[in-house]
Amino acid sequence: MEKNNDFSIQIDENQLRDLKDPFNSNVEVFVTFKNGLIVAIIVGTPKNLEYLMSKDRVNFYGPGLLWIIVKELTVETIHDAIQGYMDHSPNGYWLKLYYFWNN
């Protein structure tokens, strides 16, 4: 499969560096498509979802911004996950779908 390179990713690397636990956290990431569309995504870990549900005393994590789930929050893992979404279907379909669904 050919890699889709028609996008860029903006990650606050200082925020990643300051995380207390990269296995239990989340960060906001911005994906900019070649056509100028910018999609805000939350990249988080399974432990963080569990923590948030426990903290809020709920049995599910409700609708909101798109979450991409990764095992650990690192620049490489975030890039790999977003690249996977971009490569899975033409023109980043899933990321765009979530963006328009959420608006």
N, C-alpha and C. Protein backbone atom coordinates (compact mmCIF):
# COMPACT_ATOMS: atom_id res chain seq x y z
N MET A 1 0.85 -1.17 0.00
CA MET A 1 0.00 0.00 0.00
C MET A 1 0.90 1.24 0.00
N GLU A 2 0.55 2.20 -0.82
CA GLU A 2 1.31 3.44 -0.91
C GLU A 2 0.93 4.38 0.22
N LYS A 3 1.93 5.03 0.80
CA LYS A 3 1.67 5.96 1.90
C LYS A 3 1.09 7.27 1.37
N ASN A 4 0.09 7.76 2.07
CA ASN A 4 -0.52 9.05 1.76
C ASN A 4 0.31 10.13 2.45
N ASN A 5 0.82 11.07 1.68
CA ASN A 5 1.63 12.15 2.24
C ASN A 5 0.99 13.52 2.02
N ASP A 6 -0.31 13.54 1.77
CA ASP A 6 -1.01 14.79 1.49
C ASP A 6 -1.55 15.45 2.77
N PHE A 7 -0.76 15.43 3.83
CA PHE A 7 -1.19 16.01 5.10
C PHE A 7 0.04 16.31 5.95
N SER A 8 -0.19 17.11 6.99
CA SER A 8 0.86 17.34 7.98
C SER A 8 0.24 17.21 9.36
N ILE A 9 1.07 16.93 10.34
CA ILE A 9 0.61 16.71 11.70
C ILE A 9 1.29 17.73 12.61
N GLN A 10 0.49 18.38 13.45
CA GLN A 10 1.03 19.32 14.43
C GLN A 10 0.80 18.74 15.83
N ILE A 11 1.91 18.47 16.51
CA ILE A 11 1.89 17.92 17.87
C ILE A 11 2.69 18.86 18.76
N ASP A 12 2.16 19.16 19.93
CA ASP A 12 2.92 19.95 20.90
C ASP A 12 3.89 19.01 21.61
N GLU A 13 5.13 18.96 21.11
CA GLU A 13 6.11 18.03 21.67
C GLU A 13 6.48 18.38 23.10
N ASN A 14 6.37 19.64 23.50
CA ASN A 14 6.61 20.00 24.90
C ASN A 14 5.57 19.36 25.80
N GLN A 15 4.32 19.33 25.34
CA GLN A 15 3.26 18.69 26.12
C GLN A 15 3.55 17.20 26.28
N LEU A 16 4.00 16.56 25.21
CA LEU A 16 4.34 15.14 25.30
C LEU A 16 5.49 14.92 26.28
N ARG A 17 6.49 15.75 26.20
CA ARG A 17 7.66 15.61 27.05
C ARG A 17 7.29 15.79 28.53
N ASP A 18 6.29 16.62 28.82
CA ASP A 18 5.90 16.91 30.20
C ASP A 18 4.86 15.94 30.77
N LEU A 19 4.43 14.96 29.98
CA LEU A 19 3.44 14.01 30.48
C LEU A 19 3.99 13.22 31.66
N LYS A 20 3.17 13.05 32.68
CA LYS A 20 3.59 12.24 33.83
C LYS A 20 3.57 10.76 33.49
N ASP A 21 2.59 10.36 32.68
CA ASP A 21 2.46 8.94 32.33
C ASP A 21 2.01 8.83 30.87
N PRO A 22 2.93 8.50 29.96
CA PRO A 22 2.56 8.40 28.54
C PRO A 22 1.64 7.21 28.23
N PHE A 23 1.39 6.36 29.23
CA PHE A 23 0.46 5.24 29.06
C PHE A 23 -0.93 5.57 29.60
N ASN A 24 -1.07 6.73 30.23
CA ASN A 24 -2.37 7.14 30.79
C ASN A 24 -2.52 8.65 30.60
N SER A 25 -2.78 9.04 29.36
CA SER A 25 -2.96 10.46 29.08
C SER A 25 -3.56 10.63 27.70
N ASN A 26 -3.78 11.89 27.32
CA ASN A 26 -4.24 12.20 25.97
C ASN A 26 -3.72 13.58 25.58
N VAL A 27 -3.60 13.80 24.29
CA VAL A 27 -3.13 15.08 23.76
C VAL A 27 -3.98 15.44 22.54
N GLU A 28 -4.05 16.73 22.27
CA GLU A 28 -4.75 17.20 21.07
C GLU A 28 -3.73 17.33 19.95
N VAL A 29 -4.10 16.84 18.79
CA VAL A 29 -3.25 16.85 17.61
C VAL A 29 -4.04 17.47 16.47
N PHE A 30 -3.37 18.20 15.61
CA PHE A 30 -4.03 18.82 14.47
C PHE A 30 -3.46 18.22 13.19
N VAL A 31 -4.35 17.74 12.34
CA VAL A 31 -3.96 17.21 11.03
C VAL A 31 -4.42 18.21 9.99
N THR A 32 -3.49 18.68 9.17
CA THR A 32 -3.82 19.63 8.10
C THR A 32 -3.71 18.89 6.77
N PHE A 33 -4.81 18.89 6.03
CA PHE A 33 -4.84 18.25 4.72
C PHE A 33 -4.30 19.21 3.67
N LYS A 34 -3.92 18.65 2.55
CA LYS A 34 -3.35 19.44 1.44
C LYS A 34 -4.29 20.56 1.00
N ASN A 35 -5.61 20.32 1.10
CA ASN A 35 -6.59 21.32 0.68
C ASN A 35 -6.85 22.40 1.74
N GLY A 36 -6.13 22.33 2.89
CA GLY A 36 -6.28 23.34 3.94
C GLY A 36 -7.19 22.95 5.08
N LEU A 37 -7.96 21.88 4.94
CA LEU A 37 -8.83 21.42 6.03
C LEU A 37 -7.97 21.02 7.22
N ILE A 38 -8.34 21.51 8.40
CA ILE A 38 -7.63 21.16 9.63
C ILE A 38 -8.59 20.37 10.53
N VAL A 39 -8.15 19.20 10.95
CA VAL A 39 -8.95 18.33 11.80
C VAL A 39 -8.27 18.20 13.15
N ALA A 40 -9.01 18.52 14.22
CA ALA A 40 -8.50 18.35 15.59
C ALA A 40 -8.85 16.94 16.05
N ILE A 41 -7.86 16.27 16.59
CA ILE A 41 -8.01 14.88 17.03
C ILE A 41 -7.44 14.75 18.43
N ILE A 42 -8.09 13.96 19.25
CA ILE A 42 -7.53 13.61 20.54
C ILE A 42 -6.85 12.25 20.36
N VAL A 43 -5.60 12.17 20.72
CA VAL A 43 -4.88 10.90 20.71
C VAL A 43 -4.67 10.53 22.16
N GLY A 44 -5.19 9.37 22.55
CA GLY A 44 -5.11 8.96 23.94
C GLY A 44 -4.88 7.48 24.08
N THR A 45 -4.74 7.06 25.32
CA THR A 45 -4.45 5.66 25.62
C THR A 45 -5.67 4.98 26.22
N PRO A 46 -5.74 3.64 26.14
CA PRO A 46 -6.85 2.92 26.76
C PRO A 46 -6.94 3.19 28.26
N LYS A 47 -5.80 3.25 28.93
CA LYS A 47 -5.81 3.53 30.37
C LYS A 47 -6.40 4.90 30.66
N ASN A 48 -6.17 5.86 29.77
CA ASN A 48 -6.71 7.19 29.98
C ASN A 48 -8.22 7.19 29.84
N LEU A 49 -8.74 6.46 28.88
CA LEU A 49 -10.20 6.35 28.74
C LEU A 49 -10.80 5.75 30.01
N GLU A 50 -10.18 4.69 30.50
CA GLU A 50 -10.66 4.04 31.72
C GLU A 50 -10.59 5.02 32.90
N TYR A 51 -9.51 5.76 33.01
CA TYR A 51 -9.35 6.75 34.07
C TYR A 51 -10.45 7.82 33.98
N LEU A 52 -10.70 8.34 32.78
CA LEU A 52 -11.70 9.40 32.61
C LEU A 52 -13.11 8.91 32.96
N MET A 53 -13.43 7.67 32.55
CA MET A 53 -14.75 7.12 32.88
C MET A 53 -14.90 6.94 34.39
N SER A 54 -13.85 6.46 35.02
CA SER A 54 -13.88 6.29 36.47
C SER A 54 -14.01 7.64 37.17
N LYS A 55 -13.22 8.61 36.73
CA LYS A 55 -13.26 9.95 37.32
C LYS A 55 -14.64 10.58 37.19
N ASP A 56 -15.27 10.40 36.02
CA ASP A 56 -16.58 10.99 35.76
C ASP A 56 -17.73 10.08 36.20
N ARG A 57 -17.40 8.89 36.70
CA ARG A 57 -18.39 7.91 37.17
C ARG A 57 -19.42 7.58 36.09
N VAL A 58 -18.90 7.24 34.90
CA VAL A 58 -19.75 6.83 33.79
C VAL A 58 -19.28 5.48 33.26
N ASN A 59 -20.16 4.80 32.55
CA ASN A 59 -19.85 3.48 32.01
C ASN A 59 -19.42 3.51 30.55
N PHE A 60 -19.37 4.70 29.96
CA PHE A 60 -18.92 4.84 28.57
C PHE A 60 -18.35 6.23 28.41
N TYR A 61 -17.57 6.40 27.37
CA TYR A 61 -17.03 7.73 27.08
C TYR A 61 -17.81 8.27 25.91
N GLY A 62 -18.52 9.35 26.13
CA GLY A 62 -19.49 9.87 25.17
C GLY A 62 -18.92 10.55 23.95
N PRO A 63 -19.83 11.02 23.10
CA PRO A 63 -19.44 11.66 21.85
C PRO A 63 -18.61 12.93 22.09
N GLY A 64 -17.84 13.25 21.11
CA GLY A 64 -17.00 14.44 21.18
C GLY A 64 -15.99 14.40 20.05
N LEU A 65 -14.87 15.00 20.27
CA LEU A 65 -13.82 14.95 19.26
C LEU A 65 -13.39 13.52 18.99
N LEU A 66 -12.95 13.29 17.79
CA LEU A 66 -12.41 11.99 17.41
C LEU A 66 -11.27 11.61 18.34
N TRP A 67 -11.28 10.38 18.82
CA TRP A 67 -10.17 9.83 19.59
C TRP A 67 -9.49 8.77 18.75
N ILE A 68 -8.20 8.83 18.69
CA ILE A 68 -7.40 7.74 18.15
C ILE A 68 -6.69 7.13 19.35
N ILE A 69 -6.81 5.83 19.49
CA ILE A 69 -6.28 5.14 20.65
C ILE A 69 -4.91 4.55 20.31
N VAL A 70 -3.94 4.85 21.15
CA VAL A 70 -2.58 4.32 21.00
C VAL A 70 -2.15 3.72 22.34
N LYS A 71 -1.18 2.83 22.30
CA LYS A 71 -0.70 2.19 23.51
C LYS A 71 0.08 3.16 24.38
N GLU A 72 0.90 4.00 23.73
CA GLU A 72 1.76 4.95 24.45
C GLU A 72 1.82 6.25 23.65
N LEU A 73 1.83 7.37 24.36
CA LEU A 73 1.88 8.66 23.69
C LEU A 73 3.33 9.07 23.43
N THR A 74 3.75 8.83 22.20
CA THR A 74 5.05 9.28 21.72
C THR A 74 4.83 9.89 20.35
N VAL A 75 5.73 10.74 19.90
CA VAL A 75 5.62 11.33 18.57
C VAL A 75 5.52 10.23 17.51
N GLU A 76 6.35 9.21 17.64
CA GLU A 76 6.37 8.14 16.64
C GLU A 76 5.05 7.38 16.60
N THR A 77 4.51 7.05 17.78
CA THR A 77 3.26 6.30 17.83
C THR A 77 2.11 7.12 17.26
N ILE A 78 2.07 8.41 17.59
CA ILE A 78 1.02 9.28 17.07
C ILE A 78 1.12 9.38 15.56
N HIS A 79 2.32 9.58 15.04
CA HIS A 79 2.51 9.64 13.59
C HIS A 79 2.08 8.32 12.92
N ASP A 80 2.48 7.20 13.50
CA ASP A 80 2.12 5.90 12.92
C ASP A 80 0.60 5.71 12.90
N ALA A 81 -0.08 6.10 13.98
CA ALA A 81 -1.53 5.93 14.05
C ALA A 81 -2.24 6.79 13.02
N ILE A 82 -1.85 8.05 12.92
CA ILE A 82 -2.50 8.94 11.96
C ILE A 82 -2.17 8.51 10.54
N GLN A 83 -0.94 8.10 10.30
CA GLN A 83 -0.57 7.60 8.98
C GLN A 83 -1.43 6.39 8.62
N GLY A 84 -1.70 5.52 9.60
CA GLY A 84 -2.56 4.36 9.37
C GLY A 84 -3.96 4.76 8.94
N TYR A 85 -4.52 5.78 9.59
CA TYR A 85 -5.84 6.28 9.19
C TYR A 85 -5.79 6.86 7.77
N MET A 86 -4.72 7.58 7.48
CA MET A 86 -4.60 8.21 6.15
C MET A 86 -4.42 7.16 5.05
N ASP A 87 -3.68 6.11 5.35
CA ASP A 87 -3.40 5.09 4.34
C ASP A 87 -4.55 4.10 4.17
N HIS A 88 -5.40 3.97 5.18
CA HIS A 88 -6.45 2.96 5.14
C HIS A 88 -7.47 3.20 4.04
N SER A 89 -7.74 4.45 3.74
CA SER A 89 -8.72 4.76 2.70
C SER A 89 -8.28 6.03 1.97
N PRO A 90 -8.81 6.23 0.79
CA PRO A 90 -8.37 7.37 -0.03
C PRO A 90 -8.56 8.72 0.66
N ASN A 91 -7.55 9.54 0.57
CA ASN A 91 -7.62 10.95 1.00
C ASN A 91 -7.98 11.15 2.46
N GLY A 92 -7.64 10.21 3.33
CA GLY A 92 -7.93 10.38 4.76
C GLY A 92 -9.42 10.36 5.07
N TYR A 93 -10.17 9.54 4.36
CA TYR A 93 -11.62 9.49 4.47
C TYR A 93 -12.10 9.43 5.92
N TRP A 94 -11.53 8.53 6.75
CA TRP A 94 -12.04 8.35 8.10
C TRP A 94 -11.82 9.59 8.95
N LEU A 95 -10.68 10.23 8.81
CA LEU A 95 -10.45 11.45 9.59
C LEU A 95 -11.41 12.56 9.15
N LYS A 96 -11.63 12.68 7.87
CA LYS A 96 -12.56 13.70 7.37
C LYS A 96 -13.99 13.38 7.80
N LEU A 97 -14.37 12.11 7.75
CA LEU A 97 -15.71 11.70 8.15
C LEU A 97 -15.96 12.06 9.61
N TYR A 98 -15.03 11.74 10.48
CA TYR A 98 -15.18 12.09 11.88
C TYR A 98 -15.27 13.60 12.07
N TYR A 99 -14.50 14.33 11.30
CA TYR A 99 -14.52 15.79 11.39
C TYR A 99 -15.91 16.34 11.05
N PHE A 100 -16.45 15.90 9.92
CA PHE A 100 -17.75 16.41 9.50
C PHE A 100 -18.88 15.88 10.35
N TRP A 101 -18.74 14.66 10.86
CA TRP A 101 -19.76 14.10 11.76
C TRP A 101 -19.82 14.92 13.03
N ASN A 102 -18.67 15.36 13.51
CA ASN A 102 -18.61 16.06 14.79
C ASN A 102 -19.09 17.52 14.66
N ASN A 103 -19.04 18.08 13.48
CA ASN A 103 -19.48 19.47 13.32
C ASN A 103 -20.94 19.51 13.14
